[in-house]
């Protein structure tokens, strides 16, 4: 129910937009002061503000999968510190515990800061960023063969990094002594502190200008406004119960696949996702916390309702998620979670699959889905200094009603992130990029009236001996599904081309593959699923596809029913299309 307010609507809008701008400024501050390419190039982080109860007010994020995680961090802070009574001005909390508010894996380190005004907590500033290193058994900290959380790195259980403006020096020294790249990890931590203080400064300025009561009114207005917009769009969705099944390929230890099932019930008032009956938590590191699941489903809920609106907790009031305890998407300590994102994505994809045929104007055919994470370490050939690559990979999205799928994009939960540029990679790391191209293989994958976007081929040549690559490419056993007669897409996979010409692979998951000088790690991501009957694709467009080497002349003839002259690219429609 929308609460009545004493503040005039113009002031409410001004303060609301000022809070949103503060979140944006925090986001920029972190990027400009961070030390690691995965933050300032890839944008693997999120910043935002919550109210005094931990309800999200505004969030700027590169990684879509972080939507809503900040509020869980703040609520855990409130739980641990007597509902905020044990907090004081200047406190900064550090948290990455995936089961208690952290939400993802240990590499994603969150910082939380209470914002006081006139002796009262008025809001919290919070952020969450992927540190290059948090220790653990493998370089990069998240690996695909961990058997418990203790192998995955340092755990910060909502500890005070600052206690009333006083830095916890022993905690910083503990971090420095337990991570492989302390300058990067601790440098990123300072960047996060700077972003928090930027948010604190701006909120206090808004309070000083408008007063505490106006700020509280504006916060309530912001949350209620989000709910109103969300419920308006919910009314437009088809009503009923929709079901689908999916699976997670492997836990990295040779087990799997693991079943995922969902029952989605949509009414005028609620959007319920019931995952009961899915796999229990598993021995390997693909387990996901409930917080991670909730963030994933929030992403799809936004896509279905109003993807352009500002994100806050009011938007998600109609959303409900039901799970079994200790399931693969609601894991409990000490289950390993470093590759949680593969389960998180498969849960989202299963809801997507259930609803896509019924909401074609909002949901495309399936995409390559996986983060396709790459962790590559070794010594630089020129300096003998250790290096570490930690990055996701791009791939193909599915065709949709009225448009082809996008090529070379990150998966849905990576959102607005980016590759490390080739020039930066070759300068900082001990590799050369032999190839970075569209994956146009002759297999007809992703064909449809609207074709699936293409995956890519990215090849790293090792420039020194004794390098090590840990690769997690999900959707390797299954392919992206098509819609309404569209063809399936292709799998994600990688191979190693040895310096002597031998080829090992393809693989989907591999921990610590040893690379010697001039070995080439060849990464291939999937093409998205097709949408609609390929015979309905305009013949002129098919000719263009062949010219662009998306499909072969033979595929144009047998799949699309179009005969194409390879010299002139003139075309003729065959009988199958008539």
Protein backbone atom coordinates (compact mmCIF):
# COMPACT_ATOMS: atom_id res chain seq x y z
CA UNK A 1 0.00 0.00 0.00
CA UNK A 2 1.31 3.44 -0.94
CA UNK A 3 1.88 5.64 2.13
CA UNK A 4 0.73 9.23 2.33
CA UNK A 5 3.43 11.88 2.61
CA UNK A 6 3.52 15.49 3.77
CA UNK A 7 6.21 16.47 1.25
CA UNK A 8 5.15 18.09 -2.03
CA UNK A 9 5.58 15.91 -5.14
CA UNK A 10 8.16 18.20 -6.78
CA UNK A 11 10.51 17.94 -3.82
CA UNK A 12 9.99 14.18 -3.68
CA UNK A 13 11.09 13.88 -7.31
CA UNK A 14 14.11 16.12 -6.80
CA UNK A 15 15.32 14.19 -3.76
CA UNK A 16 14.61 10.85 -5.46
CA UNK A 17 16.72 11.84 -8.46
CA UNK A 18 19.44 13.16 -6.15
CA UNK A 19 19.65 9.77 -4.46
CA UNK A 20 19.86 8.06 -7.84
CA UNK A 21 22.63 10.43 -8.92
CA UNK A 22 24.53 9.67 -5.72
CA UNK A 23 24.52 5.98 -6.61
CA UNK A 24 25.82 6.77 -10.09
CA UNK A 25 28.62 8.89 -8.63
CA UNK A 26 29.63 6.04 -6.31
CA UNK A 27 29.82 3.72 -9.31
CA UNK A 28 32.13 6.06 -11.22
CA UNK A 29 34.31 6.71 -8.17
CA UNK A 30 35.02 3.02 -7.71
CA UNK A 31 35.94 2.44 -11.35
CA UNK A 32 38.28 5.42 -11.48
CA UNK A 33 40.19 4.48 -8.31
CA UNK A 34 40.38 0.68 -8.59
CA UNK A 35 43.59 -1.24 -9.32
CA UNK A 36 42.35 -4.32 -11.18
CA UNK A 37 41.30 -4.64 -14.84
CA UNK A 38 38.39 -6.88 -13.81
CA UNK A 39 36.95 -3.80 -12.08
CA UNK A 40 38.02 -0.79 -14.15
CA UNK A 41 37.85 -2.59 -17.54
CA UNK A 42 35.33 -5.41 -17.05
CA UNK A 43 33.14 -3.49 -14.49
CA UNK A 44 32.61 -6.57 -12.33
CA UNK A 45 31.13 -4.65 -9.39
CA UNK A 46 28.06 -2.84 -8.07
CA UNK A 47 27.42 0.25 -5.93
CA UNK A 48 24.28 1.55 -4.29
CA UNK A 49 22.33 2.94 -1.37
CA UNK A 50 19.78 1.34 0.93
CA UNK A 51 17.49 2.84 3.53
CA UNK A 52 18.03 2.32 7.26
CA UNK A 53 16.23 -1.06 7.06
CA UNK A 54 18.43 -2.37 4.25
CA UNK A 55 15.88 -1.85 1.48
CA UNK A 56 17.65 -1.11 -1.79
CA UNK A 57 17.13 2.46 -3.02
CA UNK A 58 19.45 2.71 -5.99
CA UNK A 59 22.08 0.51 -7.56
CA UNK A 60 24.55 1.01 -10.36
CA UNK A 61 26.11 -2.22 -11.54
CA UNK A 62 28.10 -3.62 -14.40
CA UNK A 63 27.22 -7.19 -13.43
CA UNK A 64 23.48 -7.74 -13.69
CA UNK A 65 23.74 -10.72 -11.37
CA UNK A 66 24.45 -8.40 -8.44
CA UNK A 67 20.95 -6.89 -8.56
CA UNK A 68 19.61 -6.97 -5.03
CA UNK A 69 22.71 -8.44 -3.38
CA UNK A 70 23.60 -5.15 -1.71
CA UNK A 71 20.40 -5.17 0.35
CA UNK A 72 21.17 -8.67 1.65
CA UNK A 73 24.60 -7.44 2.78
CA UNK A 74 23.08 -4.52 4.66
CA UNK A 75 20.41 -6.66 6.29
CA UNK A 76 23.08 -9.07 7.51
CA UNK A 77 24.96 -6.08 8.95
CA UNK A 78 21.84 -5.01 10.82
CA UNK A 79 21.30 -8.55 12.11
CA UNK A 80 24.85 -8.86 13.39
CA UNK A 81 25.06 -5.43 15.00
CA UNK A 82 21.84 -5.40 17.03
CA UNK A 83 19.67 -3.81 14.36
CA UNK A 84 22.26 -1.08 13.91
CA UNK A 85 22.54 -0.13 17.59
CA UNK A 86 26.17 -1.33 17.69
CA UNK A 87 27.14 0.78 14.68
CA UNK A 88 28.59 4.28 14.80
CA UNK A 89 29.68 6.99 12.33
CA UNK A 90 32.77 5.99 10.39
CA UNK A 91 32.17 2.23 10.62
CA UNK A 92 32.87 0.21 7.48
CA UNK A 93 31.96 -3.49 7.40
CA UNK A 94 33.53 -6.07 5.10
CA UNK A 95 31.48 -9.11 4.07
CA UNK A 96 31.76 -11.91 1.51
CA UNK A 97 30.21 -14.84 3.37
CA UNK A 98 28.00 -16.37 0.65
CA UNK A 99 25.56 -17.96 3.08
CA UNK A 100 25.02 -14.91 5.31
CA UNK A 101 24.45 -11.88 3.13
CA UNK A 102 27.44 -12.14 0.77
CA UNK A 103 25.33 -13.97 -1.74
CA UNK A 104 27.77 -14.97 -4.46
CA UNK A 105 31.32 -16.32 -3.99
CA UNK A 106 34.22 -15.25 -1.80
CA UNK A 107 35.88 -13.31 -4.63
CA UNK A 108 33.01 -10.80 -4.58
CA UNK A 109 33.88 -8.72 -1.54
CA UNK A 110 31.28 -6.33 -0.18
CA UNK A 111 31.72 -3.21 1.94
CA UNK A 112 28.89 -1.56 3.91
CA UNK A 113 28.86 1.86 5.60
CA UNK A 114 26.09 3.30 7.81
CA UNK A 115 25.22 6.92 7.01
CA UNK A 116 24.31 8.91 10.11
CA UNK A 117 22.47 12.21 10.26
CA UNK A 118 21.56 13.94 13.52
CA UNK A 119 22.68 10.86 15.45
CA UNK A 120 20.48 8.42 13.52
CA UNK A 121 21.17 5.97 10.71
CA UNK A 122 19.39 7.46 7.72
CA UNK A 123 20.78 5.12 5.02
CA UNK A 124 23.62 2.78 4.10
CA UNK A 125 26.11 2.99 1.25
CA UNK A 126 27.27 -0.38 -0.04
CA UNK A 127 29.27 -1.92 -2.83
CA UNK A 128 30.43 -5.30 -4.01
CA UNK A 129 33.45 -5.89 -6.25
CA UNK A 130 35.29 -8.88 -7.64
CA UNK A 131 38.76 -8.93 -6.12
CA UNK A 132 41.50 -10.43 -8.26
CA UNK A 133 42.51 -12.57 -5.29
CA UNK A 134 41.12 -13.58 -1.90
CA UNK A 135 43.52 -16.46 -1.30
CA UNK A 136 42.47 -20.11 -1.40
CA UNK A 137 44.07 -23.09 -3.03
CA UNK A 138 44.25 -21.73 -6.60
CA UNK A 139 45.31 -18.43 -8.20
CA UNK A 140 42.25 -16.26 -8.73
CA UNK A 141 40.52 -17.95 -5.77
CA UNK A 142 37.47 -19.29 -7.58
CA UNK A 143 38.10 -22.73 -8.98
CA UNK A 144 36.04 -25.59 -10.32
CA UNK A 145 37.24 -28.51 -8.18
CA UNK A 146 36.94 -27.15 -4.64
CA UNK A 147 35.26 -29.52 -2.21
CA UNK A 148 34.40 -27.00 0.53
CA UNK A 149 34.31 -23.26 1.15
CA UNK A 150 37.62 -23.35 3.01
CA UNK A 151 39.52 -24.08 -0.21
CA UNK A 152 38.10 -20.99 -1.88
CA UNK A 153 39.73 -18.18 0.08
CA UNK A 154 39.34 -15.75 2.95
CA UNK A 155 35.90 -15.39 4.51
CA UNK A 156 34.81 -12.04 5.91
CA UNK A 157 31.82 -12.56 8.17
CA UNK A 158 30.66 -8.93 8.34
CA UNK A 159 33.74 -7.64 10.21
CA UNK A 160 34.60 -4.04 11.01
CA UNK A 161 37.23 -2.85 8.56
CA UNK A 162 36.87 0.58 10.14
CA UNK A 163 35.67 0.99 13.70
CA UNK A 164 34.50 4.58 13.98
CA UNK A 165 37.04 5.92 11.44
CA UNK A 166 39.83 3.79 12.97
CA UNK A 167 41.27 1.30 10.48
CA UNK A 168 41.47 -2.33 11.61
CA UNK A 169 45.18 -2.71 10.77
CA UNK A 170 45.49 -6.39 11.80
CA UNK A 171 42.65 -7.30 9.41
CA UNK A 172 44.37 -5.49 6.53
CA UNK A 173 47.65 -7.24 7.34
CA UNK A 174 45.87 -10.59 7.41
CA UNK A 175 44.50 -9.89 3.93
CA UNK A 176 47.93 -8.79 2.69
CA UNK A 177 49.54 -11.99 3.96
CA UNK A 178 46.94 -14.34 2.47
CA UNK A 179 46.37 -13.13 -1.10
CA UNK A 180 48.69 -13.61 -4.05
CA UNK A 181 48.34 -10.08 -5.42
CA UNK A 182 47.98 -7.88 -2.31
CA UNK A 183 48.51 -4.57 -4.11
CA UNK A 184 45.56 -5.30 -6.38
CA UNK A 185 43.19 -6.67 -3.74
CA UNK A 186 43.94 -4.05 -1.10
CA UNK A 187 44.03 -1.29 -3.72
CA UNK A 188 40.54 -2.30 -4.83
CA UNK A 189 39.44 -2.30 -1.20
CA UNK A 190 40.53 1.35 -0.83
CA UNK A 191 38.61 2.15 -4.01
CA UNK A 192 35.52 0.61 -2.47
CA UNK A 193 36.00 2.68 0.68
CA UNK A 194 36.29 5.82 -1.46
CA UNK A 195 33.01 4.96 -3.19
CA UNK A 196 31.27 4.41 0.16
CA UNK A 197 32.44 7.77 1.44
CA UNK A 198 31.27 9.42 -1.78
CA UNK A 199 27.79 8.03 -1.13
CA UNK A 200 27.90 9.11 2.51
CA UNK A 201 28.94 12.65 1.59
CA UNK A 202 26.17 13.07 -0.98
CA UNK A 203 23.41 11.67 1.25
CA UNK A 204 24.45 13.92 4.13
CA UNK A 205 24.42 16.90 1.76
CA UNK A 206 20.89 16.02 0.65
CA UNK A 207 19.83 15.71 4.31
CA UNK A 208 21.36 19.08 5.15
CA UNK A 209 19.52 20.73 2.26
CA UNK A 210 16.08 19.17 2.69
CA UNK A 211 15.94 17.80 6.23
CA UNK A 212 15.62 14.30 7.62
CA UNK A 213 11.84 14.02 7.37
CA UNK A 214 11.86 14.96 3.69
CA UNK A 215 14.55 12.35 3.00
CA UNK A 216 12.51 9.65 4.76
CA UNK A 217 9.40 10.68 2.82
CA UNK A 218 11.38 10.57 -0.42
CA UNK A 219 12.79 7.13 0.37
CA UNK A 220 9.29 5.76 0.99
CA UNK A 221 8.06 7.45 -2.17
CA UNK A 222 10.93 5.92 -4.17
CA UNK A 223 10.13 2.40 -2.95
CA UNK A 224 6.37 2.76 -3.39
CA UNK A 225 6.82 4.25 -6.85
CA UNK A 226 8.90 1.23 -7.85
CA UNK A 227 6.17 -1.09 -6.63
CA UNK A 228 3.46 0.79 -8.54
CA UNK A 229 5.38 0.58 -11.82
CA UNK A 230 6.12 -3.09 -11.26
CA UNK A 231 2.51 -4.02 -10.53
CA UNK A 232 1.27 -2.08 -13.55
CA UNK A 233 3.48 -4.21 -15.80
CA UNK A 234 2.61 -7.41 -13.93
CA UNK A 235 -1.02 -6.87 -14.96
CA UNK A 236 0.04 -7.19 -18.61
CA UNK A 237 1.70 -10.60 -18.28
CA UNK A 238 -0.17 -13.82 -19.14
CA UNK A 239 -1.75 -15.42 -16.09
CA UNK A 240 -1.42 -19.05 -15.13
CA UNK A 241 1.18 -21.65 -14.19
CA UNK A 242 4.11 -22.39 -16.49
CA UNK A 243 6.67 -25.18 -16.00
CA UNK A 244 10.08 -26.08 -17.40
CA UNK A 245 13.10 -28.25 -16.66
CA UNK A 246 16.80 -27.63 -17.06
CA UNK A 247 20.10 -28.91 -15.72
CA UNK A 248 23.56 -27.93 -14.54
CA UNK A 249 26.23 -29.80 -16.53
CA UNK A 250 28.66 -30.78 -13.81
CA UNK A 251 29.93 -29.84 -10.38
CA UNK A 252 33.54 -29.93 -11.64
CA UNK A 253 34.28 -33.18 -9.82
CA UNK A 254 32.81 -35.51 -12.46
CA UNK A 255 29.28 -35.55 -11.04
CA UNK A 256 26.17 -34.45 -12.89
CA UNK A 257 24.19 -33.31 -14.71
CA UNK A 258 21.96 -31.97 -11.94
CA UNK A 259 18.25 -31.37 -12.57
CA UNK A 260 16.61 -27.94 -12.22
CA UNK A 261 12.85 -27.58 -12.35
CA UNK A 262 10.56 -24.63 -11.85
CA UNK A 263 6.86 -23.87 -11.66
CA UNK A 264 6.11 -20.21 -12.39
CA UNK A 265 2.73 -18.93 -11.24
CA UNK A 266 1.66 -15.46 -12.38
CA UNK A 267 -1.41 -13.71 -11.00
CA UNK A 268 -2.50 -10.08 -10.86
CA UNK A 269 -0.69 -9.68 -7.53
CA UNK A 270 2.21 -12.13 -7.48
CA UNK A 271 4.99 -13.65 -9.55
CA UNK A 272 5.98 -16.93 -7.86
CA UNK A 273 8.93 -19.12 -8.87
CA UNK A 274 8.84 -22.52 -7.15
CA UNK A 275 12.06 -24.52 -7.57
CA UNK A 276 11.17 -27.34 -5.18
CA UNK A 277 12.18 -30.75 -6.47
CA UNK A 278 15.46 -29.54 -7.97
CA UNK A 279 18.81 -31.11 -7.11
CA UNK A 280 20.10 -31.00 -3.54
CA UNK A 281 23.39 -29.17 -2.99
CA UNK A 282 26.31 -31.00 -4.61
CA UNK A 283 29.92 -31.90 -3.72
CA UNK A 284 31.50 -29.45 -6.20
CA UNK A 285 31.60 -25.66 -6.47
CA UNK A 286 28.50 -24.92 -8.57
CA UNK A 287 26.31 -24.53 -5.49
CA UNK A 288 24.46 -21.23 -5.27
CA UNK A 289 23.13 -19.41 -2.22
CA UNK A 290 19.51 -18.28 -2.01
CA UNK A 291 20.72 -14.68 -2.30
CA UNK A 292 22.37 -15.52 -5.62
CA UNK A 293 19.20 -17.22 -6.85
CA UNK A 294 17.07 -14.24 -5.82
CA UNK A 295 19.34 -11.85 -7.72
CA UNK A 296 19.09 -13.99 -10.84
CA UNK A 297 15.30 -14.19 -10.74
CA UNK A 298 15.09 -10.46 -10.06
CA UNK A 299 16.98 -9.92 -13.31
CA UNK A 300 14.44 -11.90 -15.32
CA UNK A 301 11.53 -10.34 -13.45
CA UNK A 302 12.82 -6.92 -14.55
CA UNK A 303 13.17 -8.12 -18.13
CA UNK A 304 9.55 -9.27 -18.10
CA UNK A 305 8.06 -6.21 -16.44
CA UNK A 306 9.89 -2.94 -16.89
CA UNK A 307 13.59 -3.35 -17.76
CA UNK A 308 14.12 0.39 -18.11
CA UNK A 309 13.02 1.40 -14.62
CA UNK A 310 15.36 2.28 -11.77
CA UNK A 311 16.02 -0.68 -9.51
CA UNK A 312 14.95 -0.65 -5.87
CA UNK A 313 13.43 -3.14 -3.46
CA UNK A 314 9.93 -1.80 -4.06
CA UNK A 315 10.09 -3.12 -7.61
CA UNK A 316 10.38 -6.68 -6.34
CA UNK A 317 7.59 -6.72 -3.79
CA UNK A 318 5.33 -8.89 -6.04
CA UNK A 319 8.15 -11.46 -6.54
CA UNK A 320 8.27 -14.63 -4.41
CA UNK A 321 10.79 -17.49 -4.65
CA UNK A 322 10.30 -20.94 -3.11
CA UNK A 323 13.10 -23.53 -2.70
CA UNK A 324 13.95 -26.69 -0.80
CA UNK A 325 16.48 -26.32 2.01
CA UNK A 326 20.07 -27.26 1.12
CA UNK A 327 19.27 -27.40 -2.58
CA UNK A 328 21.77 -26.60 -5.30
CA UNK A 329 20.31 -23.06 -5.39
CA UNK A 330 20.03 -22.58 -1.62
CA UNK A 331 23.29 -24.10 -0.44
CA UNK A 332 24.41 -24.04 3.16
CA UNK A 333 27.83 -24.04 4.83
CA UNK A 334 30.33 -25.51 4.09
CA UNK A 335 29.29 -26.29 0.49
CA UNK A 336 31.74 -24.85 -2.08
CA UNK A 337 30.28 -22.01 -4.16
CA UNK A 338 33.09 -20.50 -6.24
CA UNK A 339 31.31 -21.32 -9.52
CA UNK A 340 27.86 -20.50 -8.15
CA UNK A 341 27.07 -18.50 -11.28
CA UNK A 342 26.53 -21.62 -13.40
CA UNK A 343 23.62 -22.77 -11.23
CA UNK A 344 22.39 -19.19 -10.88
CA UNK A 345 22.26 -18.90 -14.68
CA UNK A 346 20.62 -22.27 -15.22
CA UNK A 347 17.88 -21.40 -12.73
CA UNK A 348 17.22 -18.15 -14.57
CA UNK A 349 17.30 -19.96 -17.92
CA UNK A 350 14.71 -22.48 -16.72
CA UNK A 351 12.28 -19.69 -15.78
CA UNK A 352 13.09 -18.04 -19.13
CA UNK A 353 12.35 -21.31 -20.96
CA UNK A 354 9.01 -21.68 -19.18
CA UNK A 355 7.85 -18.19 -20.14
CA UNK A 356 9.53 -17.39 -23.48
CA UNK A 357 6.82 -18.94 -25.71
CA UNK A 358 4.16 -16.93 -23.86
CA UNK A 359 5.93 -13.54 -23.80
CA UNK A 360 7.63 -13.39 -27.22
CA UNK A 361 7.79 -9.59 -27.18
CA UNK A 362 10.05 -9.69 -24.09
CA UNK A 363 12.01 -12.96 -24.15
CA UNK A 364 14.26 -14.31 -26.91
CA UNK A 365 15.39 -17.86 -27.61
CA UNK A 366 18.15 -19.17 -25.36
CA UNK A 367 21.65 -17.73 -25.36
CA UNK A 368 25.06 -19.29 -24.65
CA UNK A 369 24.19 -18.82 -20.96
CA UNK A 370 27.49 -19.51 -19.20
CA UNK A 371 29.85 -16.93 -17.71
CA UNK A 372 32.50 -19.02 -19.49
CA UNK A 373 35.07 -18.01 -16.91
CA UNK A 374 38.79 -18.07 -17.60
CA UNK A 375 41.53 -17.95 -14.96
CA UNK A 376 45.02 -18.01 -16.47
CA UNK A 377 48.17 -17.58 -14.39
CA UNK A 378 51.92 -17.74 -14.84
CA UNK A 379 55.03 -15.59 -15.07
CA UNK A 380 55.41 -12.77 -17.60
CA UNK A 381 58.00 -13.58 -20.26
CA UNK A 382 59.68 -10.16 -20.06
CA UNK A 383 59.65 -9.38 -16.35
CA UNK A 384 59.35 -12.81 -14.70
CA UNK A 385 56.64 -11.22 -12.53
CA UNK A 386 53.53 -13.30 -11.83
CA UNK A 387 50.36 -12.41 -13.72
CA UNK A 388 46.76 -13.47 -13.42
CA UNK A 389 43.94 -13.21 -15.98
CA UNK A 390 40.42 -13.44 -14.53
CA UNK A 391 37.67 -12.75 -17.02
CA UNK A 392 34.34 -13.89 -18.45
CA UNK A 393 33.80 -14.64 -22.15
CA UNK A 394 31.28 -13.35 -24.68
CA UNK A 395 28.97 -15.46 -26.84
CA UNK A 396 25.77 -15.50 -28.87
CA UNK A 397 22.27 -14.48 -27.78
CA UNK A 398 19.10 -16.06 -29.12
CA UNK A 399 16.98 -14.77 -31.97
CA UNK A 400 13.85 -12.91 -30.91
CA UNK A 401 10.55 -11.77 -32.33
CA UNK A 402 11.48 -9.29 -35.04
CA UNK A 403 15.25 -9.36 -34.63
CA UNK A 404 18.32 -11.55 -34.90
CA UNK A 405 20.26 -12.47 -31.79
CA UNK A 406 23.25 -10.34 -30.83
CA UNK A 407 26.74 -11.71 -31.40
CA UNK A 408 29.68 -11.49 -29.03
CA UNK A 409 27.80 -10.36 -25.92
CA UNK A 410 28.17 -11.35 -22.28
CA UNK A 411 25.64 -13.66 -20.64
CA UNK A 412 22.58 -12.12 -19.02
CA UNK A 413 23.98 -12.05 -15.48
CA UNK A 414 27.25 -10.44 -16.58
CA UNK A 415 25.21 -7.58 -18.01
CA UNK A 416 27.03 -4.40 -18.97
CA UNK A 417 30.54 -5.76 -18.57
CA UNK A 418 33.44 -5.78 -21.00
CA UNK A 419 36.41 -7.84 -22.12
CA UNK A 420 39.89 -6.83 -21.13
CA UNK A 421 41.11 -5.22 -24.39
CA UNK A 422 43.63 -7.19 -26.42
CA UNK A 423 46.24 -4.44 -26.04
CA UNK A 424 45.89 -4.43 -22.25
CA UNK A 425 45.99 -8.22 -22.06
CA UNK A 426 49.15 -8.52 -24.17
CA UNK A 427 50.89 -5.77 -22.19
CA UNK A 428 50.04 -6.91 -18.67
CA UNK A 429 49.91 -10.68 -19.13
CA UNK A 430 52.24 -13.33 -20.47
CA UNK A 431 50.11 -14.12 -23.53
CA UNK A 432 49.50 -13.13 -27.12
CA UNK A 433 45.97 -13.10 -28.55
CA UNK A 434 46.29 -15.20 -31.71
CA UNK A 435 42.64 -14.84 -32.70
CA UNK A 436 39.53 -13.01 -31.63
CA UNK A 437 36.81 -13.66 -34.19
CA UNK A 438 33.21 -14.66 -34.73
CA UNK A 439 32.58 -18.38 -34.53
CA UNK A 440 31.16 -19.13 -37.96
CA UNK A 441 31.35 -22.91 -38.11
CA UNK A 442 29.54 -24.93 -40.74
CA UNK A 443 26.86 -26.54 -38.62
CA UNK A 444 23.68 -24.57 -39.24
CA UNK A 445 23.37 -23.78 -35.53
CA UNK A 446 20.95 -21.08 -34.47
CA UNK A 447 19.08 -21.05 -37.80
CA UNK A 448 15.63 -19.50 -37.81
CA UNK A 449 13.48 -16.75 -39.25
CA UNK A 450 15.58 -14.70 -36.85
CA UNK A 451 18.96 -16.33 -36.33
CA UNK A 452 20.90 -16.78 -33.13
CA UNK A 453 23.84 -14.48 -32.54
CA UNK A 454 27.29 -15.91 -33.02
CA UNK A 455 29.73 -16.97 -30.38
CA UNK A 456 33.41 -16.12 -30.61
CA UNK A 457 36.80 -17.76 -30.81
CA UNK A 458 39.46 -16.24 -28.53
CA UNK A 459 42.90 -17.83 -28.51
CA UNK A 460 45.62 -17.18 -25.92
CA UNK A 461 49.18 -18.16 -26.82
CA UNK A 462 51.34 -18.81 -23.75
CA UNK A 463 54.56 -16.81 -23.93
CA UNK A 464 56.26 -18.59 -21.03
CA UNK A 465 56.44 -22.10 -19.59
CA UNK A 466 54.47 -23.44 -16.64
CA UNK A 467 51.31 -21.40 -17.08
CA UNK A 468 48.05 -22.76 -15.69
CA UNK A 469 44.47 -22.33 -16.96
CA UNK A 470 41.30 -23.08 -15.00
CA UNK A 471 38.30 -22.96 -17.32
CA UNK A 472 34.59 -23.31 -16.53
CA UNK A 473 32.44 -23.41 -19.66
CA UNK A 474 28.87 -24.33 -18.76
CA UNK A 475 26.25 -25.25 -21.35
CA UNK A 476 28.78 -27.69 -22.75
CA UNK A 477 26.55 -30.78 -22.57
CA UNK A 478 23.37 -29.05 -23.71
CA UNK A 479 22.70 -26.47 -26.41
CA UNK A 480 20.72 -23.19 -26.37
CA UNK A 481 17.11 -23.98 -27.18
CA UNK A 482 15.23 -22.42 -30.10
CA UNK A 483 11.65 -21.17 -30.23
CA UNK A 484 8.81 -21.83 -32.68
CA UNK A 485 10.83 -23.95 -35.10
CA UNK A 486 14.16 -22.20 -34.61
CA UNK A 487 17.24 -24.43 -34.50
CA UNK A 488 19.28 -25.04 -31.38
CA UNK A 489 22.49 -23.11 -30.89
CA UNK A 490 25.95 -24.54 -30.27
CA UNK A 491 27.85 -25.62 -27.18
CA UNK A 492 30.55 -23.74 -25.29
CA UNK A 493 33.90 -25.53 -25.41
CA UNK A 494 37.65 -25.04 -25.40
CA UNK A 495 40.70 -26.91 -26.64
CA UNK A 496 44.47 -26.67 -26.25
CA UNK A 497 46.61 -26.63 -29.38
CA UNK A 498 50.04 -27.76 -28.27
CA UNK A 499 53.22 -26.19 -29.60
CA UNK A 500 53.89 -29.43 -31.52
CA UNK A 501 50.50 -29.23 -33.26
CA UNK A 502 48.65 -31.80 -31.16
CA UNK A 503 45.12 -30.84 -30.12
CA UNK A 504 43.72 -31.75 -26.71
CA UNK A 505 39.99 -31.39 -26.15
CA UNK A 506 37.39 -30.10 -26.54
CA UNK A 507 36.50 -29.68 -22.87
CA UNK A 508 33.86 -27.91 -20.86
CA UNK A 509 35.49 -27.76 -17.44
CA UNK A 510 39.14 -28.20 -16.52
CA UNK A 511 41.11 -27.21 -13.41
CA UNK A 512 44.72 -26.01 -13.78
CA UNK A 513 45.45 -27.17 -17.33
CA UNK A 514 49.25 -26.86 -17.73
CA UNK A 515 50.41 -24.68 -20.62
CA UNK A 516 53.95 -24.46 -21.94
CA UNK A 517 55.43 -21.78 -24.17
CA UNK A 518 53.59 -21.50 -27.53
CA UNK A 519 50.71 -23.71 -26.44
CA UNK A 520 47.45 -22.07 -27.52
CA UNK A 521 44.32 -22.04 -25.36
CA UNK A 522 41.46 -21.83 -27.89
CA UNK A 523 38.15 -20.75 -26.36
CA UNK A 524 34.90 -21.19 -28.30
CA UNK A 525 31.56 -19.88 -27.08
CA UNK A 526 28.12 -20.89 -28.30
CA UNK A 527 25.77 -19.51 -30.92
CA UNK A 528 22.32 -18.59 -29.58
CA UNK A 529 19.12 -20.45 -30.45
CA UNK A 530 17.06 -19.49 -33.50
CA UNK A 531 13.56 -17.99 -33.47
CA UNK A 532 10.94 -19.15 -35.96
CA UNK A 533 10.98 -21.31 -39.08
CA UNK A 534 14.20 -20.81 -41.13
CA UNK A 535 12.15 -21.09 -44.33
CA UNK A 536 10.46 -17.79 -43.39
CA UNK A 537 13.73 -15.87 -43.29
CA UNK A 538 13.81 -13.36 -46.20
CA UNK A 539 15.84 -14.80 -49.07
CA UNK A 540 17.75 -11.53 -49.44
CA UNK A 541 18.82 -11.78 -45.80
CA UNK A 542 19.92 -15.40 -46.29
CA UNK A 543 22.14 -14.26 -49.17
CA UNK A 544 23.62 -11.63 -46.89
CA UNK A 545 24.22 -14.26 -44.20
CA UNK A 546 26.16 -16.39 -46.67
CA UNK A 547 28.16 -13.38 -47.84
CA UNK A 548 29.04 -12.64 -44.21
CA UNK A 549 30.00 -16.31 -43.73
CA UNK A 550 27.36 -16.89 -41.06
CA UNK A 551 26.08 -19.87 -43.04
CA UNK A 552 27.39 -21.85 -46.00
CA UNK A 553 25.85 -22.11 -49.46
CA UNK A 554 24.81 -25.68 -48.63
CA UNK A 555 23.12 -24.59 -45.40
CA UNK A 556 21.32 -21.82 -47.25
CA UNK A 557 19.92 -24.39 -49.65
CA UNK A 558 19.04 -27.20 -47.24
CA UNK A 559 17.98 -25.21 -44.16
CA UNK A 560 16.70 -21.91 -45.55
CA UNK A 561 15.52 -23.09 -48.99
CA UNK A 562 17.56 -20.50 -50.90
CA UNK A 563 19.96 -21.18 -53.80
CA UNK A 564 22.84 -18.69 -53.84
CA UNK A 565 25.46 -17.94 -56.51
CA UNK A 566 28.79 -17.68 -54.70
CA UNK A 567 30.20 -15.26 -57.27
CA UNK A 568 27.41 -12.69 -57.51
CA UNK A 569 25.41 -13.65 -54.40
CA UNK A 570 22.27 -13.57 -56.46
CA UNK A 571 19.64 -15.87 -55.01
CA UNK A 572 16.67 -18.00 -55.95
CA UNK A 573 13.95 -19.29 -53.64
CA UNK A 574 13.46 -23.05 -53.77
CA UNK A 575 10.22 -25.00 -53.74
CA UNK A 576 10.47 -25.69 -50.00
CA UNK A 577 9.74 -22.02 -49.25
CA UNK A 578 6.54 -21.87 -51.28
